[in-house]
Amino acid sequence: MIAERLLKAEKEKRVVYGAKQVLTLLKLAGAEEVFVLANSAHLAEAERLAALSGTKITKLDVKNEELSSQLKKLFDITIAAVKKGK
């Protein structure tokens, strides 16, 4: 499950939330995997940058409220990335 992978990466302090931070990470080719909601306004830009950097992108078909509640966050999540590392 997607939330479990993000929670595991969060424990390792490798998760980045938010469009500005994720897109910057993609530009620097520092992302291992990007998770984007299918209805996100940043989907096209994330796909373009992921293709350039060779990063895996996963489109999610859940609502942002559902993903936020699974990750136990108080804010809505529309895009997240796992940093390269361990």
PDB file of N, CA and C in Angstrom:
ATOM      1  N   MET A   1       0.849  -1.191   0.000  1.00  0.00           N
ATOM      2  CA  MET A   1       0.000   0.000   0.000  1.00  0.00           C
ATOM      3  C   MET A   1       0.889   1.247   0.000  1.00  0.00           C
ATOM      4  N   ILE A   2       0.411   2.266  -0.672  1.00  0.00           N
ATOM      5  CA  ILE A   2       1.174   3.501  -0.840  1.00  0.00           C
ATOM      6  C   ILE A   2       1.453   4.165   0.504  1.00  0.00           C
ATOM      7  N   ALA A   3       0.460   4.257   1.346  1.00  0.00           N
ATOM      8  CA  ALA A   3       0.632   4.939   2.634  1.00  0.00           C
ATOM      9  C   ALA A   3       1.705   4.244   3.475  1.00  0.00           C
ATOM     10  N   GLU A   4       1.780   2.934   3.408  1.00  0.00           N
ATOM     11  CA  GLU A   4       2.784   2.201   4.172  1.00  0.00           C
ATOM     12  C   GLU A   4       4.187   2.527   3.681  1.00  0.00           C
ATOM     13  N   ARG A   5       4.363   2.632   2.362  1.00  0.00           N
ATOM     14  CA  ARG A   5       5.683   2.978   1.812  1.00  0.00           C
ATOM     15  C   ARG A   5       6.081   4.386   2.221  1.00  0.00           C
ATOM     16  N   LEU A   6       5.125   5.304   2.209  1.00  0.00           N
ATOM     17  CA  LEU A   6       5.424   6.678   2.626  1.00  0.00           C
ATOM     18  C   LEU A   6       5.712   6.753   4.120  1.00  0.00           C
ATOM     19  N   LEU A   7       4.979   6.007   4.925  1.00  0.00           N
ATOM     20  CA  LEU A   7       5.217   6.002   6.369  1.00  0.00           C
ATOM     21  C   LEU A   7       6.596   5.440   6.702  1.00  0.00           C
ATOM     22  N   LYS A   8       6.997   4.383   5.995  1.00  0.00           N
ATOM     23  CA  LYS A   8       8.320   3.804   6.226  1.00  0.00           C
ATOM     24  C   LYS A   8       9.402   4.816   5.866  1.00  0.00           C
ATOM     25  N   ALA A   9       9.242   5.481   4.726  1.00  0.00           N
ATOM     26  CA  ALA A   9      10.227   6.490   4.303  1.00  0.00           C
ATOM     27  C   ALA A   9      10.215   7.690   5.246  1.00  0.00           C
ATOM     28  N   GLU A  10       9.054   8.005   5.808  1.00  0.00           N
ATOM     29  CA  GLU A  10       8.966   9.125   6.747  1.00  0.00           C
ATOM     30  C   GLU A  10       9.746   8.831   8.023  1.00  0.00           C
ATOM     31  N   LYS A  11       9.702   7.597   8.475  1.00  0.00           N
ATOM     32  CA  LYS A  11      10.472   7.212   9.657  1.00  0.00           C
ATOM     33  C   LYS A  11      11.965   7.376   9.407  1.00  0.00           C
ATOM     34  N   GLU A  12      12.376   7.197   8.145  1.00  0.00           N
ATOM     35  CA  GLU A  12      13.777   7.363   7.766  1.00  0.00           C
ATOM     36  C   GLU A  12      14.096   8.818   7.424  1.00  0.00           C
ATOM     37  N   LYS A  13      13.101   9.692   7.574  1.00  0.00           N
ATOM     38  CA  LYS A  13      13.232  11.130   7.288  1.00  0.00           C
ATOM     39  C   LYS A  13      13.626  11.382   5.836  1.00  0.00           C
ATOM     40  N   ARG A  14      12.945  10.659   4.914  1.00  0.00           N
ATOM     41  CA  ARG A  14      13.233  10.789   3.494  1.00  0.00           C
ATOM     42  C   ARG A  14      12.033  11.263   2.685  1.00  0.00           C
ATOM     43  N   VAL A  15      10.964  11.734   3.330  1.00  0.00           N
ATOM     44  CA  VAL A  15       9.762  12.150   2.612  1.00  0.00           C
ATOM     45  C   VAL A  15       9.687  13.661   2.532  1.00  0.00           C
ATOM     46  N   VAL A  16       9.246  14.131   1.361  1.00  0.00           N
ATOM     47  CA  VAL A  16       9.039  15.557   1.134  1.00  0.00           C
ATOM     48  C   VAL A  16       7.595  15.720   0.675  1.00  0.00           C
ATOM     49  N   TYR A  17       6.871  16.665   1.287  1.00  0.00           N
ATOM     50  CA  TYR A  17       5.492  16.946   0.917  1.00  0.00           C
ATOM     51  C   TYR A  17       5.415  18.348   0.314  1.00  0.00           C
ATOM     52  N   GLY A  18       4.490  18.538  -0.609  1.00  0.00           N
ATOM     53  CA  GLY A  18       4.254  19.861  -1.176  1.00  0.00           C
ATOM     54  C   GLY A  18       4.860  20.013  -2.556  1.00  0.00           C
ATOM     55  N   ALA A  19       4.144  20.719  -3.411  1.00  0.00           N
ATOM     56  CA  ALA A  19       4.533  20.856  -4.810  1.00  0.00           C
ATOM     57  C   ALA A  19       5.878  21.554  -4.978  1.00  0.00           C
ATOM     58  N   LYS A  20       6.089  22.644  -4.278  1.00  0.00           N
ATOM     59  CA  LYS A  20       7.319  23.405  -4.451  1.00  0.00           C
ATOM     60  C   LYS A  20       8.544  22.564  -4.093  1.00  0.00           C
ATOM     61  N   GLN A  21       8.491  21.870  -2.971  1.00  0.00           N
ATOM     62  CA  GLN A  21       9.621  21.061  -2.527  1.00  0.00           C
ATOM     63  C   GLN A  21       9.833  19.843  -3.421  1.00  0.00           C
ATOM     64  N   VAL A  22       8.750  19.197  -3.821  1.00  0.00           N
ATOM     65  CA  VAL A  22       8.868  17.999  -4.659  1.00  0.00           C
ATOM     66  C   VAL A  22       9.400  18.360  -6.040  1.00  0.00           C
ATOM     67  N   LEU A  23       8.884  19.423  -6.640  1.00  0.00           N
ATOM     68  CA  LEU A  23       9.351  19.819  -7.964  1.00  0.00           C
ATOM     69  C   LEU A  23      10.814  20.247  -7.928  1.00  0.00           C
ATOM     70  N   THR A  24      11.237  20.906  -6.864  1.00  0.00           N
ATOM     71  CA  THR A  24      12.648  21.266  -6.713  1.00  0.00           C
ATOM     72  C   THR A  24      13.506  20.016  -6.586  1.00  0.00           C
ATOM     73  N   LEU A  25      13.041  19.048  -5.820  1.00  0.00           N
ATOM     74  CA  LEU A  25      13.770  17.794  -5.665  1.00  0.00           C
ATOM     75  C   LEU A  25      13.888  17.062  -7.000  1.00  0.00           C
ATOM     76  N   LEU A  26      12.834  17.099  -7.804  1.00  0.00           N
ATOM     77  CA  LEU A  26      12.880  16.477  -9.126  1.00  0.00           C
ATOM     78  C   LEU A  26      13.881  17.188 -10.033  1.00  0.00           C
ATOM     79  N   LYS A  27      13.922  18.501  -9.969  1.00  0.00           N
ATOM     80  CA  LYS A  27      14.867  19.262 -10.788  1.00  0.00           C
ATOM     81  C   LYS A  27      16.304  18.905 -10.432  1.00  0.00           C
ATOM     82  N   LEU A  28      16.548  18.599  -9.170  1.00  0.00           N
ATOM     83  CA  LEU A  28      17.883  18.240  -8.706  1.00  0.00           C
ATOM     84  C   LEU A  28      18.166  16.743  -8.855  1.00  0.00           C
ATOM     85  N   ALA A  29      17.202  15.992  -9.393  1.00  0.00           N
ATOM     86  CA  ALA A  29      17.306  14.540  -9.573  1.00  0.00           C
ATOM     87  C   ALA A  29      17.583  13.847  -8.247  1.00  0.00           C
ATOM     88  N   GLY A  30      16.962  14.333  -7.176  1.00  0.00           N
ATOM     89  CA  GLY A  30      17.177  13.768  -5.851  1.00  0.00           C
ATOM     90  C   GLY A  30      16.037  12.918  -5.348  1.00  0.00           C
ATOM     91  N   ALA A  31      15.053  12.656  -6.203  1.00  0.00           N
ATOM     92  CA  ALA A  31      13.895  11.874  -5.771  1.00  0.00           C
ATOM     93  C   ALA A  31      14.011  10.436  -6.261  1.00  0.00           C
ATOM     94  N   GLU A  32      13.679   9.516  -5.384  1.00  0.00           N
ATOM     95  CA  GLU A  32      13.647   8.102  -5.734  1.00  0.00           C
ATOM     96  C   GLU A  32      12.304   7.756  -6.383  1.00  0.00           C
ATOM     97  N   GLU A  33      11.230   8.272  -5.784  1.00  0.00           N
ATOM     98  CA  GLU A  33       9.882   8.012  -6.291  1.00  0.00           C
ATOM     99  C   GLU A  33       8.983   9.185  -5.913  1.00  0.00           C
ATOM    100  N   VAL A  34       8.054   9.503  -6.807  1.00  0.00           N
ATOM    101  CA  VAL A  34       7.115  10.601  -6.571  1.00  0.00           C
ATOM    102  C   VAL A  34       5.703  10.043  -6.607  1.00  0.00           C
ATOM    103  N   PHE A  35       4.888  10.482  -5.657  1.00  0.00           N
ATOM    104  CA  PHE A  35       3.487  10.084  -5.576  1.00  0.00           C
ATOM    105  C   PHE A  35       2.631  11.318  -5.840  1.00  0.00           C
ATOM    106  N   VAL A  36       1.779  11.243  -6.858  1.00  0.00           N
ATOM    107  CA  VAL A  36       0.957  12.385  -7.243  1.00  0.00           C
ATOM    108  C   VAL A  36      -0.494  11.926  -7.361  1.00  0.00           C
ATOM    109  N   LEU A  37      -1.406  12.717  -6.814  1.00  0.00           N
ATOM    110  CA  LEU A  37      -2.825  12.421  -7.000  1.00  0.00           C
ATOM    111  C   LEU A  37      -3.185  12.681  -8.455  1.00  0.00           C
ATOM    112  N   ALA A  38      -4.068  11.864  -8.990  1.00  0.00           N
ATOM    113  CA  ALA A  38      -4.433  11.961 -10.405  1.00  0.00           C
ATOM    114  C   ALA A  38      -5.053  13.311 -10.756  1.00  0.00           C
ATOM    115  N   ASN A  39      -5.673  13.982  -9.795  1.00  0.00           N
ATOM    116  CA  ASN A  39      -6.316  15.264 -10.078  1.00  0.00           C
ATOM    117  C   ASN A  39      -5.463  16.456  -9.644  1.00  0.00           C
ATOM    118  N   SER A  40      -4.179  16.225  -9.379  1.00  0.00           N
ATOM    119  CA  SER A  40      -3.296  17.289  -8.925  1.00  0.00           C
ATOM    120  C   SER A  40      -3.000  18.275 -10.055  1.00  0.00           C
ATOM    121  N   ALA A  41      -2.928  19.543  -9.710  1.00  0.00           N
ATOM    122  CA  ALA A  41      -2.612  20.573 -10.691  1.00  0.00           C
ATOM    123  C   ALA A  41      -1.156  20.481 -11.139  1.00  0.00           C
ATOM    124  N   HIS A  42      -0.343  19.760 -10.401  1.00  0.00           N
ATOM    125  CA  HIS A  42       1.084  19.669 -10.695  1.00  0.00           C
ATOM    126  C   HIS A  42       1.470  18.358 -11.371  1.00  0.00           C
ATOM    127  N   LEU A  43       0.488  17.588 -11.802  1.00  0.00           N
ATOM    128  CA  LEU A  43       0.753  16.278 -12.390  1.00  0.00           C
ATOM    129  C   LEU A  43       1.599  16.381 -13.656  1.00  0.00           C
ATOM    130  N   ALA A  44       1.242  17.259 -14.572  1.00  0.00           N
ATOM    131  CA  ALA A  44       1.956  17.380 -15.846  1.00  0.00           C
ATOM    132  C   ALA A  44       3.404  17.805 -15.626  1.00  0.00           C
ATOM    133  N   GLU A  45       3.619  18.786 -14.766  1.00  0.00           N
ATOM    134  CA  GLU A  45       4.978  19.252 -14.480  1.00  0.00           C
ATOM    135  C   GLU A  45       5.802  18.159 -13.801  1.00  0.00           C
ATOM    136  N   ALA A  46       5.198  17.445 -12.872  1.00  0.00           N
ATOM    137  CA  ALA A  46       5.898  16.361 -12.178  1.00  0.00           C
ATOM    138  C   ALA A  46       6.267  15.244 -13.154  1.00  0.00           C
ATOM    139  N   GLU A  47       5.355  14.902 -14.065  1.00  0.00           N
ATOM    140  CA  GLU A  47       5.641  13.868 -15.059  1.00  0.00           C
ATOM    141  C   GLU A  47       6.788  14.290 -15.976  1.00  0.00           C
ATOM    142  N   ARG A  48       6.797  15.541 -16.387  1.00  0.00           N
ATOM    143  CA  ARG A  48       7.851  16.041 -17.278  1.00  0.00           C
ATOM    144  C   ARG A  48       9.212  15.978 -16.586  1.00  0.00           C
ATOM    145  N   LEU A  49       9.273  16.477 -15.350  1.00  0.00           N
ATOM    146  CA  LEU A  49      10.532  16.477 -14.617  1.00  0.00           C
ATOM    147  C   LEU A  49      10.980  15.060 -14.250  1.00  0.00           C
ATOM    148  N   ALA A  50      10.033  14.192 -13.956  1.00  0.00           N
ATOM    149  CA  ALA A  50      10.366  12.805 -13.628  1.00  0.00           C
ATOM    150  C   ALA A  50      10.951  12.097 -14.848  1.00  0.00           C
ATOM    151  N   ALA A  51      10.423  12.379 -16.014  1.00  0.00           N
ATOM    152  CA  ALA A  51      10.956  11.780 -17.235  1.00  0.00           C
ATOM    153  C   ALA A  51      12.383  12.251 -17.493  1.00  0.00           C
ATOM    154  N   LEU A  52      12.657  13.521 -17.234  1.00  0.00           N
ATOM    155  CA  LEU A  52      13.998  14.062 -17.442  1.00  0.00           C
ATOM    156  C   LEU A  52      15.014  13.494 -16.455  1.00  0.00           C
ATOM    157  N   SER A  53      14.575  13.279 -15.223  1.00  0.00           N
ATOM    158  CA  SER A  53      15.503  12.812 -14.185  1.00  0.00           C
ATOM    159  C   SER A  53      15.503  11.295 -14.014  1.00  0.00           C
ATOM    160  N   GLY A  54      14.617  10.597 -14.718  1.00  0.00           N
ATOM    161  CA  GLY A  54      14.560   9.141 -14.605  1.00  0.00           C
ATOM    162  C   GLY A  54      13.947   8.660 -13.303  1.00  0.00           C
ATOM    163  N   THR A  55      13.070   9.459 -12.739  1.00  0.00           N
ATOM    164  CA  THR A  55      12.428   9.142 -11.462  1.00  0.00           C
ATOM    165  C   THR A  55      11.114   8.413 -11.692  1.00  0.00           C
ATOM    166  N   LYS A  56      10.834   7.425 -10.869  1.00  0.00           N
ATOM    167  CA  LYS A  56       9.570   6.701 -10.943  1.00  0.00           C
ATOM    168  C   LYS A  56       8.464   7.590 -10.408  1.00  0.00           C
ATOM    169  N   ILE A  57       7.346   7.663 -11.140  1.00  0.00           N
ATOM    170  CA  ILE A  57       6.203   8.458 -10.686  1.00  0.00           C
ATOM    171  C   ILE A  57       5.002   7.528 -10.544  1.00  0.00           C
ATOM    172  N   THR A  58       4.301   7.666  -9.440  1.00  0.00           N
ATOM    173  CA  THR A  58       3.137   6.841  -9.151  1.00  0.00           C
ATOM    174  C   THR A  58       1.922   7.742  -9.035  1.00  0.00           C
ATOM    175  N   LYS A  59       0.920   7.485  -9.877  1.00  0.00           N
ATOM    176  CA  LYS A  59      -0.329   8.254  -9.826  1.00  0.00           C
ATOM    177  C   LYS A  59      -1.275   7.556  -8.854  1.00  0.00           C
ATOM    178  N   LEU A  60      -1.831   8.339  -7.963  1.00  0.00           N
ATOM    179  CA  LEU A  60      -2.742   7.803  -6.954  1.00  0.00           C
ATOM    180  C   LEU A  60      -4.175   8.157  -7.307  1.00  0.00           C
ATOM    181  N   ASP A  61      -5.064   7.202  -7.128  1.00  0.00           N
ATOM    182  CA  ASP A  61      -6.476   7.417  -7.423  1.00  0.00           C
ATOM    183  C   ASP A  61      -7.310   7.670  -6.176  1.00  0.00           C
ATOM    184  N   VAL A  62      -6.669   8.072  -5.084  1.00  0.00           N
ATOM    185  CA  VAL A  62      -7.393   8.382  -3.856  1.00  0.00           C
ATOM    186  C   VAL A  62      -7.578   9.889  -3.749  1.00  0.00           C
ATOM    187  N   LYS A  63      -8.464  10.296  -2.872  1.00  0.00           N
ATOM    188  CA  LYS A  63      -8.658  11.728  -2.631  1.00  0.00           C
ATOM    189  C   LYS A  63      -7.595  12.211  -1.660  1.00  0.00           C
ATOM    190  N   ASN A  64      -7.294  13.513  -1.737  1.00  0.00           N
ATOM    191  CA  ASN A  64      -6.233  14.051  -0.888  1.00  0.00           C
ATOM    192  C   ASN A  64      -6.571  13.934   0.602  1.00  0.00           C
ATOM    193  N   GLU A  65      -7.834  14.033   0.956  1.00  0.00           N
ATOM    194  CA  GLU A  65      -8.220  13.880   2.359  1.00  0.00           C
ATOM    195  C   GLU A  65      -7.964  12.459   2.847  1.00  0.00           C
ATOM    196  N   GLU A  66      -8.225  11.484   1.970  1.00  0.00           N
ATOM    197  CA  GLU A  66      -8.029  10.078   2.333  1.00  0.00           C
ATOM    198  C   GLU A  66      -6.544   9.775   2.536  1.00  0.00           C
ATOM    199  N   LEU A  67      -5.709  10.264   1.635  1.00  0.00           N
ATOM    200  CA  LEU A  67      -4.276  10.049   1.764  1.00  0.00           C
ATOM    201  C   LEU A  67      -3.739  10.734   3.017  1.00  0.00           C
ATOM    202  N   SER A  68      -4.191  11.939   3.268  1.00  0.00           N
ATOM    203  CA  SER A  68      -3.751  12.673   4.461  1.00  0.00           C
ATOM    204  C   SER A  68      -4.130  11.939   5.738  1.00  0.00           C
ATOM    205  N   SER A  69      -5.333  11.376   5.773  1.00  0.00           N
ATOM    206  CA  SER A  69      -5.758  10.660   6.976  1.00  0.00           C
ATOM    207  C   SER A  69      -4.977   9.357   7.144  1.00  0.00           C
ATOM    208  N   GLN A  70      -4.646   8.674   6.050  1.00  0.00           N
ATOM    209  CA  GLN A  70      -3.851   7.449   6.141  1.00  0.00           C
ATOM    210  C   GLN A  70      -2.454   7.741   6.682  1.00  0.00           C
ATOM    211  N   LEU A  71      -1.915   8.905   6.307  1.00  0.00           N
ATOM    212  CA  LEU A  71      -0.582   9.289   6.762  1.00  0.00           C
ATOM    213  C   LEU A  71      -0.611  10.056   8.080  1.00  0.00           C
ATOM    214  N   LYS A  72      -1.824  10.277   8.601  1.00  0.00           N
ATOM    215  CA  LYS A  72      -2.025  10.982   9.876  1.00  0.00           C
ATOM    216  C   LYS A  72      -1.464  12.401   9.840  1.00  0.00           C
ATOM    217  N   LYS A  73      -1.760  13.108   8.756  1.00  0.00           N
ATOM    218  CA  LYS A  73      -1.339  14.496   8.595  1.00  0.00           C
ATOM    219  C   LYS A  73      -2.551  15.404   8.710  1.00  0.00           C
ATOM    220  N   LEU A  74      -2.336  16.593   9.229  1.00  0.00           N
ATOM    221  CA  LEU A  74      -3.418  17.555   9.399  1.00  0.00           C
ATOM    222  C   LEU A  74      -3.644  18.397   8.154  1.00  0.00           C
ATOM    223  N   PHE A  75      -2.775  18.259   7.161  1.00  0.00           N
ATOM    224  CA  PHE A  75      -2.892  19.035   5.929  1.00  0.00           C
ATOM    225  C   PHE A  75      -3.158  18.092   4.766  1.00  0.00           C
ATOM    226  N   ASP A  76      -3.763  18.628   3.706  1.00  0.00           N
ATOM    227  CA  ASP A  76      -4.054  17.815   2.527  1.00  0.00           C
ATOM    228  C   ASP A  76      -2.786  17.610   1.711  1.00  0.00           C
ATOM    229  N   ILE A  77      -2.593  16.383   1.261  1.00  0.00           N
ATOM    230  CA  ILE A  77      -1.417  16.033   0.478  1.00  0.00           C
ATOM    231  C   ILE A  77      -1.854  15.756  -0.950  1.00  0.00           C
ATOM    232  N   THR A  78      -1.260  16.461  -1.905  1.00  0.00           N
ATOM    233  CA  THR A  78      -1.543  16.206  -3.313  1.00  0.00           C
ATOM    234  C   THR A  78      -0.323  15.660  -4.040  1.00  0.00           C
ATOM    235  N   ILE A  79       0.857  15.874  -3.470  1.00  0.00           N
ATOM    236  CA  ILE A  79       2.094  15.379  -4.075  1.00  0.00           C
ATOM    237  C   ILE A  79       3.118  15.145  -2.970  1.00  0.00           C
ATOM    238  N   ALA A  80       3.845  14.047  -3.090  1.00  0.00           N
ATOM    239  CA  ALA A  80       4.881  13.695  -2.124  1.00  0.00           C
ATOM    240  C   ALA A  80       6.002  12.976  -2.854  1.00  0.00           C
ATOM    241  N   ALA A  81       7.182  13.023  -2.281  1.00  0.00           N
ATOM    242  CA  ALA A  81       8.330  12.345  -2.881  1.00  0.00           C
ATOM    243  C   ALA A  81       9.168  11.684  -1.813  1.00  0.00           C
ATOM    244  N   VAL A  82       9.818  10.621  -2.208  1.00  0.00           N
ATOM    245  CA  VAL A  82      10.782   9.931  -1.342  1.00  0.00           C
ATOM    246  C   VAL A  82      12.165  10.282  -1.883  1.00  0.00           C
ATOM    247  N   LYS A  83      12.996  10.836  -1.011  1.00  0.00           N
ATOM    248  CA  LYS A  83      14.352  11.217  -1.399  1.00  0.00           C
ATOM    249  C   LYS A  83      15.212   9.975  -1.621  1.00  0.00           C
ATOM    250  N   LYS A  84      16.199  10.122  -2.499  1.00  0.00           N
ATOM    251  CA  LYS A  84      17.169   9.044  -2.686  1.00  0.00           C
ATOM    252  C   LYS A  84      18.001   8.920  -1.422  1.00  0.00           C
ATOM    253  N   GLY A  85      18.448   7.725  -1.166  1.00  0.00           N
ATOM    254  CA  GLY A  85      19.256   7.500   0.020  1.00  0.00           C
ATOM    255  C   GLY A  85      19.245   6.064   0.425  1.00  0.00           C
ATOM    256  N   LYS A  86      19.386   5.812   1.694  1.00  0.00           N
ATOM    257  CA  LYS A  86      19.451   4.470   2.289  1.00  0.00           C
ATOM    258  C   LYS A  86      18.635   3.477   1.556  1.00  0.00           C
TER     259      LYS A  86
END
